[in-house]
Protein backbone atom coordinates (compact mmCIF):
# COMPACT_ATOMS: atom_id res chain seq x y z
CA MET A 1 29.38 0.67 -14.62
CA ALA A 2 29.36 4.46 -14.42
CA GLU A 3 29.85 7.09 -17.08
CA ILE A 4 30.06 10.87 -16.95
CA VAL A 5 27.93 12.53 -19.61
CA LYS A 6 27.12 16.13 -20.51
CA ILE A 7 23.83 17.79 -21.30
CA ASP A 8 23.72 19.65 -24.61
CA LYS A 9 22.12 23.06 -25.13
CA SER A 10 18.78 21.38 -25.95
CA GLY A 11 18.80 19.44 -22.67
CA ARG A 12 19.68 16.11 -24.27
CA VAL A 13 21.91 13.46 -22.78
CA VAL A 14 23.61 10.83 -24.92
CA ILE A 15 23.72 7.37 -23.40
CA PRO A 16 27.19 6.02 -24.20
CA LYS A 17 27.34 3.12 -26.64
CA SER A 18 28.98 0.87 -24.05
CA VAL A 19 26.04 1.41 -21.66
CA ARG A 20 23.45 0.89 -24.41
CA ARG A 21 25.20 -2.32 -25.43
CA GLU A 22 25.46 -3.56 -21.83
CA LEU A 23 21.72 -2.98 -21.22
CA GLY A 24 20.55 -3.99 -24.68
CA ILE A 25 19.03 -0.56 -25.35
CA ASN A 26 18.22 0.23 -28.98
CA LYS A 27 16.57 3.16 -30.75
CA THR A 28 13.05 1.72 -30.47
CA ASP A 29 13.16 1.17 -26.70
CA GLN A 30 11.29 3.39 -24.28
CA LEU A 31 12.88 4.68 -21.10
CA LEU A 32 11.29 5.90 -17.88
CA LEU A 33 12.92 8.93 -16.26
CA SER A 34 12.09 9.56 -12.61
CA ILE A 35 13.43 11.71 -9.80
CA GLN A 36 14.97 9.72 -6.96
CA GLY A 37 15.70 11.97 -4.02
CA LYS A 38 17.63 15.20 -4.18
CA ASP A 39 19.71 15.63 -7.35
CA GLN A 40 19.20 12.04 -8.51
CA LEU A 41 17.57 10.76 -11.67
CA LEU A 42 16.72 7.17 -12.47
CA LEU A 43 16.61 6.17 -16.11
CA GLN A 44 15.04 2.75 -16.54
CA LYS A 45 14.51 0.70 -19.67
CA LEU A 46 10.85 -0.19 -20.08
CA ASP A 47 10.29 -3.78 -21.06
CA ILE A 48 6.60 -3.73 -21.98
CA LYS A 49 6.38 -7.51 -22.46
CA SER A 50 7.75 -8.13 -18.96
CA LEU A 51 5.44 -5.51 -17.47
CA VAL A 52 2.38 -7.10 -19.10
CA LYS A 53 3.44 -10.58 -18.01
CA GLY A 54 4.01 -9.40 -14.43
CA LEU A 55 0.66 -7.60 -14.35
CA LYS A 56 -1.15 -10.68 -15.65
CA GLU A 57 0.51 -12.83 -12.97
CA GLU A 58 -0.27 -10.30 -10.23
CA MET A 59 -3.91 -9.97 -11.26
CA ALA A 60 -4.54 -13.68 -11.88
CA GLY A 61 -7.50 -14.90 -9.84
CA LYS A 62 -8.49 -11.40 -8.73
CA ASP A 63 -11.84 -9.78 -9.42
CA VAL A 64 -10.73 -6.81 -11.51
CA ASP A 65 -14.28 -5.46 -11.81
CA ALA A 66 -14.60 -5.33 -8.02
CA ILE A 67 -11.24 -3.53 -7.75
CA VAL A 68 -12.31 -0.97 -10.35
CA LYS A 69 -15.64 -0.44 -8.56
CA THR A 70 -13.87 0.16 -5.24
CA VAL A 71 -11.38 2.59 -6.78
CA ARG A 72 -14.19 4.53 -8.48
CA LYS A 73 -16.04 4.84 -5.16
CA GLU A 74 -12.89 6.15 -3.49
CA ILE A 75 -12.29 8.66 -6.28
CA ASN A 76 -15.89 9.88 -6.19
CA ALA A 77 -15.74 10.28 -2.41
CA LYS A 78 -12.57 12.36 -2.68
CA ILE A 79 -14.08 14.53 -5.43
CA LYS A 80 -17.20 15.12 -3.31
CA ALA A 81 -15.03 16.05 -0.32
CA LEU A 82 -12.87 18.45 -2.34
CA TYR A 83 -15.68 19.97 -4.43
CA PRO A 84 -18.93 19.73 -2.45
CA ASP A 85 -20.55 22.50 -4.51
CA LEU A 86 -20.54 20.25 -7.57
CA PHE A 87 -22.94 17.85 -5.88
CA ALA A 88 -25.23 20.37 -4.13
């Protein structure tokens, strides 16, 4: 399905009713807008419940505290490399 839409003077785009109906988008849904290459936008419906479920499944059996500790070490190392005067 493809639709041509216009941008109004405030920069808004109306998602046609047929598209909203097809994707089950309603006024309380959140959408993610991202740039995909030159002159392309991707508008994706965020399904928070599915995201949480997927994250739980992906992280099952993993030591989250160890992952956080490793990430913090990496961040601190990068900060020290970029701003050595802060730690002198």
